[in-house]
Protein backbone atom coordinates (compact mmCIF):
# COMPACT_ATOMS: atom_id res chain seq x y z
CA MET A 1 117.42 70.10 -50.62
CA THR A 2 114.88 67.50 -51.69
CA LEU A 3 114.99 63.76 -51.08
CA GLY A 4 115.62 63.17 -54.76
CA SER A 5 118.63 65.47 -54.81
CA ILE A 6 120.03 63.83 -51.66
CA LEU A 7 119.74 60.37 -53.23
CA HIS A 8 121.31 61.64 -56.44
CA ASP A 9 124.24 63.19 -54.58
CA MET A 10 124.66 60.06 -52.43
CA TRP A 11 125.01 57.93 -55.55
CA ALA A 12 127.37 60.42 -57.19
CA ILE A 13 129.62 60.51 -54.11
CA PHE A 14 129.54 56.72 -53.84
CA VAL A 15 130.51 56.27 -57.47
CA GLU A 16 133.33 58.81 -57.35
CA TYR A 17 134.84 58.03 -53.94
CA TYR A 18 134.09 54.30 -53.64
CA LEU A 19 134.06 52.93 -57.17
CA GLY A 20 136.35 55.67 -58.49
CA HIS A 21 139.62 56.51 -56.79
CA GLY A 22 138.70 54.50 -53.67
CA LEU A 23 138.92 57.06 -50.85
CA LEU A 24 136.04 55.34 -49.09
CA TRP A 25 137.87 52.02 -49.42
CA THR A 26 140.78 53.59 -47.55
CA GLY A 27 138.45 54.74 -44.79
CA ILE A 28 136.91 51.28 -44.52
CA GLY A 29 140.37 49.73 -44.36
CA TYR A 30 141.53 51.95 -41.49
CA THR A 31 138.23 51.43 -39.66
CA LEU A 32 138.53 47.64 -39.92
CA LEU A 33 142.21 47.79 -38.95
CA LEU A 34 141.49 49.80 -35.80
CA SER A 35 138.55 47.52 -34.97
CA ALA A 36 140.58 44.34 -35.46
CA ILE A 37 143.44 45.58 -33.26
CA ALA A 38 141.05 46.72 -30.53
CA VAL A 39 139.06 43.47 -30.67
CA VAL A 40 142.07 41.14 -30.55
CA CYS A 41 144.06 43.10 -27.96
CA GLY A 42 140.96 43.98 -25.94
CA THR A 43 139.82 40.35 -25.81
CA ILE A 44 143.23 39.01 -24.76
CA LEU A 45 143.87 41.74 -22.18
CA GLY A 46 140.26 41.69 -20.98
CA SER A 47 140.39 37.94 -20.38
CA LEU A 48 143.63 38.30 -18.41
CA LEU A 49 142.13 41.14 -16.38
CA ALA A 50 139.03 39.05 -15.61
CA ILE A 51 141.12 36.12 -14.39
CA GLY A 52 143.40 38.45 -12.43
CA ARG A 53 140.45 40.17 -10.80
CA MET A 54 139.18 36.81 -9.57
CA SER A 55 142.54 35.82 -8.11
CA ARG A 56 143.27 35.52 -4.39
CA PHE A 57 145.87 38.31 -4.52
CA LYS A 58 144.04 41.29 -3.03
CA ILE A 59 146.46 43.94 -4.36
CA LEU A 60 146.10 42.63 -7.92
CA HIS A 61 142.33 42.48 -7.48
CA TYR A 62 142.14 46.11 -6.31
CA ILE A 63 144.45 47.40 -9.06
CA ILE A 64 142.45 45.69 -11.80
CA THR A 65 139.14 46.78 -10.27
CA ALA A 66 140.32 50.40 -10.17
CA PHE A 67 141.46 50.23 -13.80
CA VAL A 68 138.17 48.72 -14.99
CA GLU A 69 136.03 51.21 -13.09
CA ILE A 70 138.07 54.19 -14.32
CA MET A 71 137.87 53.01 -17.95
CA ARG A 72 134.13 52.33 -17.71
CA GLY A 73 133.46 55.58 -15.85
CA THR A 74 135.17 58.00 -18.23
CA PRO A 75 134.31 58.91 -21.86
CA ALA A 76 136.03 56.93 -24.61
CA LEU A 77 137.03 60.17 -26.36
CA LEU A 78 138.80 61.37 -23.21
CA GLN A 79 140.70 58.07 -23.07
CA LEU A 80 141.76 58.46 -26.70
CA TYR A 81 143.05 61.97 -25.99
CA ILE A 82 145.07 60.67 -23.03
CA ALA A 83 146.47 57.80 -25.10
CA TYR A 84 147.28 60.19 -27.95
CA PHE A 85 149.39 62.43 -25.71
CA ILE A 86 150.67 60.00 -23.06
CA VAL A 87 151.72 56.98 -25.15
CA PRO A 88 154.44 58.92 -27.08
CA MET A 89 155.79 60.15 -23.73
CA LEU A 90 155.94 56.59 -22.37
CA LEU A 91 157.46 55.17 -25.56
CA PRO A 92 159.67 57.96 -26.96
CA SER A 93 162.11 55.56 -28.60
CA LEU A 94 159.34 53.90 -30.62
CA ASP A 95 157.79 57.22 -31.73
CA PRO A 96 154.28 55.68 -32.08
CA SER A 97 152.09 57.05 -34.86
CA PRO A 98 148.69 58.65 -34.13
CA ILE A 99 146.88 55.53 -35.36
CA ALA A 100 148.96 53.38 -32.99
CA CYS A 101 148.09 55.65 -30.05
CA VAL A 102 144.39 55.54 -30.96
CA ALA A 103 144.53 51.75 -31.33
CA ILE A 104 146.06 51.46 -27.85
CA GLY A 105 143.35 53.70 -26.40
CA LEU A 106 140.57 51.68 -28.05
CA SER A 107 142.16 48.40 -26.92
CA LEU A 108 142.33 49.51 -23.29
CA ASN A 109 138.75 50.75 -23.41
CA SER A 110 137.58 47.46 -24.90
CA ALA A 111 139.62 45.43 -22.40
CA ALA A 112 137.76 47.00 -19.47
CA TYR A 113 134.37 46.02 -20.87
CA VAL A 114 135.50 42.60 -22.06
CA SER A 115 136.90 41.84 -18.60
CA GLU A 116 133.47 42.34 -17.07
CA ILE A 117 131.84 40.22 -19.76
CA VAL A 118 134.34 37.39 -19.26
CA ARG A 119 134.10 37.60 -15.47
CA SER A 120 130.32 37.33 -15.56
CA GLY A 121 130.58 34.38 -17.96
CA ILE A 122 133.03 32.58 -15.66
CA ASN A 123 130.83 33.23 -12.63
CA ALA A 124 127.86 31.77 -14.52
CA VAL A 125 129.58 28.36 -14.75
CA ASP A 126 128.48 26.02 -11.98
CA LYS A 127 130.98 26.17 -9.11
CA GLY A 128 130.51 22.45 -8.56
CA GLN A 129 132.39 21.71 -11.77
CA THR A 130 135.43 23.60 -10.51
CA GLU A 131 135.30 21.80 -7.18
CA ALA A 132 134.96 18.42 -8.90
CA ALA A 133 137.91 19.14 -11.19
CA ARG A 134 140.12 20.15 -8.26
CA ALA A 135 139.02 17.06 -6.35
CA LEU A 136 140.17 14.93 -9.31
CA GLY A 137 143.62 16.47 -9.04
CA LEU A 138 143.47 19.05 -11.85
CA THR A 139 145.42 22.25 -11.30
CA ALA A 140 143.68 25.60 -11.10
CA ARG A 141 145.12 26.56 -14.49
CA THR A 142 143.94 23.36 -16.19
CA THR A 143 140.52 23.67 -14.59
CA MET A 144 140.17 27.23 -15.86
CA THR A 145 141.41 26.60 -19.43
CA LYS A 146 139.89 23.17 -20.06
CA ILE A 147 136.62 23.24 -18.13
CA VAL A 148 135.50 26.72 -17.11
CA LEU A 149 136.53 28.94 -20.05
CA PRO A 150 135.04 26.74 -22.84
CA GLN A 151 131.65 26.91 -21.10
CA ALA A 152 132.05 30.61 -20.30
CA ILE A 153 132.69 31.41 -23.96
CA ARG A 154 129.29 30.02 -24.91
CA ASN A 155 127.69 32.18 -22.22
CA ILE A 156 129.44 35.41 -23.18
CA LEU A 157 129.45 35.17 -26.98
CA PRO A 158 126.32 37.38 -27.49
CA ALA A 159 127.63 40.10 -25.16
CA LEU A 160 131.10 39.83 -26.66
CA GLY A 161 129.61 40.22 -30.13
CA ASN A 162 127.83 43.39 -29.05
CA GLU A 163 131.15 44.75 -27.74
CA PHE A 164 132.80 44.05 -31.10
CA ILE A 165 130.03 45.92 -32.90
CA THR A 166 130.38 48.80 -30.45
CA ILE A 167 134.11 49.00 -31.19
CA ILE A 168 133.46 49.41 -34.92
CA LYS A 169 131.22 52.37 -34.16
CA GLU A 170 133.63 53.82 -31.60
CA THR A 171 136.37 54.01 -34.22
CA SER A 172 134.49 57.07 -35.46
CA LEU A 173 135.97 58.92 -32.46
CA ALA A 174 139.39 58.49 -34.08
CA SER A 175 138.40 61.13 -36.64
CA THR A 176 139.34 63.68 -33.96
CA PHE A 177 142.96 62.75 -34.68
CA PHE A 178 142.57 62.43 -38.49
CA VAL A 179 143.91 58.87 -38.71
CA GLY A 180 142.12 58.05 -41.96
CA GLU A 181 139.09 56.00 -40.86
CA LEU A 182 135.57 56.54 -42.18
CA MET A 183 134.67 59.72 -40.31
CA THR A 184 137.98 61.27 -41.36
CA THR A 185 137.08 60.26 -44.90
CA TYR A 186 133.73 61.99 -44.43
CA ALA A 187 135.48 65.22 -43.42
CA THR A 188 137.73 64.99 -46.49
CA ILE A 189 134.88 64.38 -48.92
CA LYS A 190 132.73 67.08 -47.34
CA GLY A 191 135.59 69.54 -47.69
CA VAL A 192 135.77 68.83 -51.42
CA THR A 193 132.08 68.45 -52.33
CA PHE A 194 130.42 70.65 -49.63
CA ASN A 195 127.67 68.01 -49.55
CA THR A 196 127.27 67.27 -45.85
CA VAL A 197 124.05 65.27 -45.66
CA PRO A 198 124.61 62.94 -48.67
CA THR A 199 128.16 62.21 -47.50
CA LEU A 200 126.96 61.44 -43.99
CA MET A 201 124.27 59.13 -45.38
CA ASP A 202 126.84 57.22 -47.42
CA ILE A 203 129.12 56.83 -44.40
CA GLY A 204 126.16 55.74 -42.26
CA ILE A 205 125.20 53.06 -44.77
CA ILE A 206 128.75 51.71 -44.82
CA TYR A 207 128.83 51.54 -41.00
CA PHE A 208 125.48 49.76 -41.01
CA VAL A 209 126.61 47.20 -43.59
CA MET A 210 129.73 46.39 -41.56
CA THR A 211 127.96 46.06 -38.21
CA PHE A 212 124.99 44.17 -39.69
CA THR A 213 127.31 41.70 -41.43
CA LEU A 214 129.28 41.15 -38.23
CA SER A 215 126.11 40.59 -36.19
CA LYS A 216 124.94 37.94 -38.66
CA LEU A 217 128.31 36.18 -38.64
CA LEU A 218 128.30 36.16 -34.84
CA GLY A 219 124.78 34.77 -34.89
CA VAL A 220 125.93 31.89 -37.09
CA ALA A 221 128.89 31.20 -34.77
CA GLU A 222 126.59 31.27 -31.74
CA ARG A 223 124.17 28.78 -33.27
CA ARG A 224 127.02 26.44 -34.21
CA MET A 225 128.42 26.57 -30.69
CA LYS A 226 125.02 25.76 -29.24
CA ALA A 227 124.64 22.86 -31.66
CA GLY A 228 128.09 21.59 -30.72
CA ALA A 229 127.22 21.82 -27.03
């Protein structure tokens, strides 16, 4: 297989499955859906875990620490397998779909990493500001939400952006469960065309475009936040 034939087949696959009946569009849609769910849920849960881990309640601190270390110390694919089989057992009345189970697994994985990012960002804020706010009579909750977190967000935005990009790439693991994202789409197209390399190259380009676009958007947001500061 020559480079010319690979490029020719890449264009032919792109035209038929992207511009034609839109199978690649479906894969992109499921990939973005999984990424969006994992990003939103992972950020919310991760922020709560970070705050809980810094609380004075030792039991809560140890539970959250154990969860974070287990999630960071085991493979993401293993976590998706566990979520795929365990979530339906825990929620039998809801009968969650495979994509819902995978989304939960990705969200929990992301939450563990986001919690560490948020915790480091909070710790980077000068402790004197917290002490001054408490001395002025502000509650711990108001101090955290109005003074500490806004500054922490500026500190953690680059690392948080990298986590979001990582999530987009980790959605490829969902192809193990055939939920319809890009790598599942690759398997479908390969099964029809028997063109492995050109199909992989097309999928790789789509992943790159998505992650590159997101990195640029995050860069713009970071510069605006710095200007506002």
